[in-house]
């Protein structure tokens, strides 16, 4: 099973291969710069929640209305999900960019 870091990196790579912008963001970036092991990994992208869910079918749209989808670590090479939405295992939060309003 991949580590959370490997899984987050794979998500970024997969989104970029499909010509979306995608970046590691938040506390994981700070921790990596400080040579610390991040507690979790977050990804920001210009892909919509629907597009993320199409690319990664084993997802949980816990905050899709706000642009947030959880992508769990796969449990096997077959891509089966390792988790249910209520289980306490690593997931990668993938958030769609939020553009400031022009108002």
C-alpha atoms as a PDB file:
ATOM      1  CA  UNK A   1       0.000   0.000   0.000  1.00  0.00           C
ATOM      2  CA  UNK A   2       1.407   3.438  -0.865  1.00  0.00           C
ATOM      3  CA  UNK A   3       2.186   5.955   1.833  1.00  0.00           C
ATOM      4  CA  UNK A   4       0.067   9.094   2.191  1.00  0.00           C
ATOM      5  CA  UNK A   5       2.894  11.092   0.603  1.00  0.00           C
ATOM      6  CA  UNK A   6       3.099   8.725  -2.386  1.00  0.00           C
ATOM      7  CA  UNK A   7      -0.678   8.764  -2.771  1.00  0.00           C
ATOM      8  CA  UNK A   8      -0.844  12.576  -2.680  1.00  0.00           C
ATOM      9  CA  UNK A   9       1.977  12.779  -5.213  1.00  0.00           C
ATOM     10  CA  UNK A  10       0.162  10.280  -7.454  1.00  0.00           C
ATOM     11  CA  UNK A  11      -3.031  12.358  -7.249  1.00  0.00           C
ATOM     12  CA  UNK A  12      -1.132  15.500  -8.294  1.00  0.00           C
ATOM     13  CA  UNK A  13       0.598  13.592 -11.110  1.00  0.00           C
ATOM     14  CA  UNK A  14      -2.660  12.066 -12.355  1.00  0.00           C
ATOM     15  CA  UNK A  15      -4.461  15.423 -12.374  1.00  0.00           C
ATOM     16  CA  UNK A  16      -1.569  17.069 -14.227  1.00  0.00           C
ATOM     17  CA  UNK A  17      -1.474  14.238 -16.787  1.00  0.00           C
ATOM     18  CA  UNK A  18      -5.106  15.123 -17.511  1.00  0.00           C
ATOM     19  CA  UNK A  19      -4.037  18.751 -17.973  1.00  0.00           C
ATOM     20  CA  UNK A  20      -5.409  20.128 -14.721  1.00  0.00           C
ATOM     21  CA  UNK A  21      -3.380  22.283 -12.403  1.00  0.00           C
ATOM     22  CA  UNK A  22      -2.631  20.503  -9.128  1.00  0.00           C
ATOM     23  CA  UNK A  23      -0.406  21.289  -6.156  1.00  0.00           C
ATOM     24  CA  UNK A  24       0.362  20.044  -2.665  1.00  0.00           C
ATOM     25  CA  UNK A  25      -0.855  22.771  -0.304  1.00  0.00           C
ATOM     26  CA  UNK A  26      -1.266  23.671   3.342  1.00  0.00           C
ATOM     27  CA  UNK A  27       0.559  22.302   6.333  1.00  0.00           C
ATOM     28  CA  UNK A  28       2.230  19.490   4.418  1.00  0.00           C
ATOM     29  CA  UNK A  29       4.227  22.035   2.399  1.00  0.00           C
ATOM     30  CA  UNK A  30       5.361  23.791   5.575  1.00  0.00           C
ATOM     31  CA  UNK A  31       6.288  20.484   7.203  1.00  0.00           C
ATOM     32  CA  UNK A  32       8.217  19.269   4.159  1.00  0.00           C
ATOM     33  CA  UNK A  33      10.153  22.552   4.008  1.00  0.00           C
ATOM     34  CA  UNK A  34      11.011  22.125   7.690  1.00  0.00           C
ATOM     35  CA  UNK A  35      12.066  18.476   7.109  1.00  0.00           C
ATOM     36  CA  UNK A  36       9.173  17.221   9.233  1.00  0.00           C
ATOM     37  CA  UNK A  37       6.854  14.339   8.448  1.00  0.00           C
ATOM     38  CA  UNK A  38       3.454  15.866   7.592  1.00  0.00           C
ATOM     39  CA  UNK A  39       0.420  14.649   9.526  1.00  0.00           C
ATOM     40  CA  UNK A  40      -1.636  14.795   6.335  1.00  0.00           C
ATOM     41  CA  UNK A  41      -1.493  15.915   2.733  1.00  0.00           C
ATOM     42  CA  UNK A  42      -3.830  18.250   0.881  1.00  0.00           C
ATOM     43  CA  UNK A  43      -4.096  18.947  -2.843  1.00  0.00           C
ATOM     44  CA  UNK A  44      -5.537  22.018  -4.586  1.00  0.00           C
ATOM     45  CA  UNK A  45      -6.622  21.827  -8.228  1.00  0.00           C
ATOM     46  CA  UNK A  46      -8.607  23.604 -10.906  1.00  0.00           C
ATOM     47  CA  UNK A  47     -10.531  20.356 -11.547  1.00  0.00           C
ATOM     48  CA  UNK A  48     -14.107  20.474 -10.279  1.00  0.00           C
ATOM     49  CA  UNK A  49     -15.262  17.986  -7.631  1.00  0.00           C
ATOM     50  CA  UNK A  50     -17.177  16.110 -10.359  1.00  0.00           C
ATOM     51  CA  UNK A  51     -14.026  15.849 -12.483  1.00  0.00           C
ATOM     52  CA  UNK A  52     -12.003  14.635  -9.489  1.00  0.00           C
ATOM     53  CA  UNK A  53     -14.651  11.996  -8.747  1.00  0.00           C
ATOM     54  CA  UNK A  54     -14.577  10.829 -12.372  1.00  0.00           C
ATOM     55  CA  UNK A  55     -10.783  10.467 -12.301  1.00  0.00           C
ATOM     56  CA  UNK A  56     -10.731   8.821  -8.849  1.00  0.00           C
ATOM     57  CA  UNK A  57     -13.963   6.783  -8.597  1.00  0.00           C
ATOM     58  CA  UNK A  58     -13.351   5.634  -4.997  1.00  0.00           C
ATOM     59  CA  UNK A  59     -13.933   9.050  -3.451  1.00  0.00           C
ATOM     60  CA  UNK A  60     -16.153  10.637  -0.832  1.00  0.00           C
ATOM     61  CA  UNK A  61     -17.740  13.961  -1.709  1.00  0.00           C
ATOM     62  CA  UNK A  62     -17.950  15.135   1.881  1.00  0.00           C
ATOM     63  CA  UNK A  63     -17.710  18.768   0.897  1.00  0.00           C
ATOM     64  CA  UNK A  64     -18.308  18.756  -2.848  1.00  0.00           C
ATOM     65  CA  UNK A  65     -20.623  21.763  -2.576  1.00  0.00           C
ATOM     66  CA  UNK A  66     -17.568  23.630  -1.220  1.00  0.00           C
ATOM     67  CA  UNK A  67     -15.204  22.053  -3.740  1.00  0.00           C
ATOM     68  CA  UNK A  68     -13.761  19.329  -1.466  1.00  0.00           C
ATOM     69  CA  UNK A  69     -13.460  15.616  -2.229  1.00  0.00           C
ATOM     70  CA  UNK A  70     -11.676  12.976  -0.134  1.00  0.00           C
ATOM     71  CA  UNK A  71      -9.574  10.444  -2.023  1.00  0.00           C
ATOM     72  CA  UNK A  72      -8.705   7.461   0.218  1.00  0.00           C
ATOM     73  CA  UNK A  73      -5.516   5.470  -0.005  1.00  0.00           C
ATOM     74  CA  UNK A  74      -6.065   2.414  -2.186  1.00  0.00           C
ATOM     75  CA  UNK A  75      -5.795  -0.888  -0.353  1.00  0.00           C
ATOM     76  CA  UNK A  76      -4.498  -2.854  -3.296  1.00  0.00           C
ATOM     77  CA  UNK A  77      -3.057  -2.630  -6.765  1.00  0.00           C
ATOM     78  CA  UNK A  78      -6.559  -3.236  -8.097  1.00  0.00           C
ATOM     79  CA  UNK A  79      -7.522   0.239  -6.886  1.00  0.00           C
ATOM     80  CA  UNK A  80     -10.101  -0.960  -4.357  1.00  0.00           C
ATOM     81  CA  UNK A  81     -10.700   1.545  -1.602  1.00  0.00           C
ATOM     82  CA  UNK A  82      -9.140   0.851   1.756  1.00  0.00           C
ATOM     83  CA  UNK A  83     -11.714   2.826   3.693  1.00  0.00           C
ATOM     84  CA  UNK A  84     -15.261   3.827   4.220  1.00  0.00           C
ATOM     85  CA  UNK A  85     -16.208   7.464   4.792  1.00  0.00           C
ATOM     86  CA  UNK A  86     -16.366   7.043   8.587  1.00  0.00           C
ATOM     87  CA  UNK A  87     -13.195   5.017   9.096  1.00  0.00           C
ATOM     88  CA  UNK A  88     -10.081   6.609  10.590  1.00  0.00           C
ATOM     89  CA  UNK A  89      -7.495   5.981   7.887  1.00  0.00           C
ATOM     90  CA  UNK A  90      -5.464   8.349   5.726  1.00  0.00           C
ATOM     91  CA  UNK A  91      -7.273  10.198   2.966  1.00  0.00           C
ATOM     92  CA  UNK A  92      -6.108  13.004   0.730  1.00  0.00           C
ATOM     93  CA  UNK A  93      -8.305  16.096   0.668  1.00  0.00           C
ATOM     94  CA  UNK A  94      -8.586  17.438  -2.876  1.00  0.00           C
ATOM     95  CA  UNK A  95     -10.010  20.959  -3.037  1.00  0.00           C
ATOM     96  CA  UNK A  96     -10.977  22.969  -6.094  1.00  0.00           C
ATOM     97  CA  UNK A  97      -9.373  26.400  -6.271  1.00  0.00           C
ATOM     98  CA  UNK A  98     -11.541  29.110  -4.756  1.00  0.00           C
ATOM     99  CA  UNK A  99     -11.408  32.308  -6.743  1.00  0.00           C
ATOM    100  CA  UNK A 100     -11.953  35.582  -4.904  1.00  0.00           C
ATOM    101  CA  UNK A 101     -15.171  37.341  -5.737  1.00  0.00           C
ATOM    102  CA  UNK A 102     -14.882  40.519  -7.743  1.00  0.00           C
ATOM    103  CA  UNK A 103     -17.411  42.330  -5.662  1.00  0.00           C
END
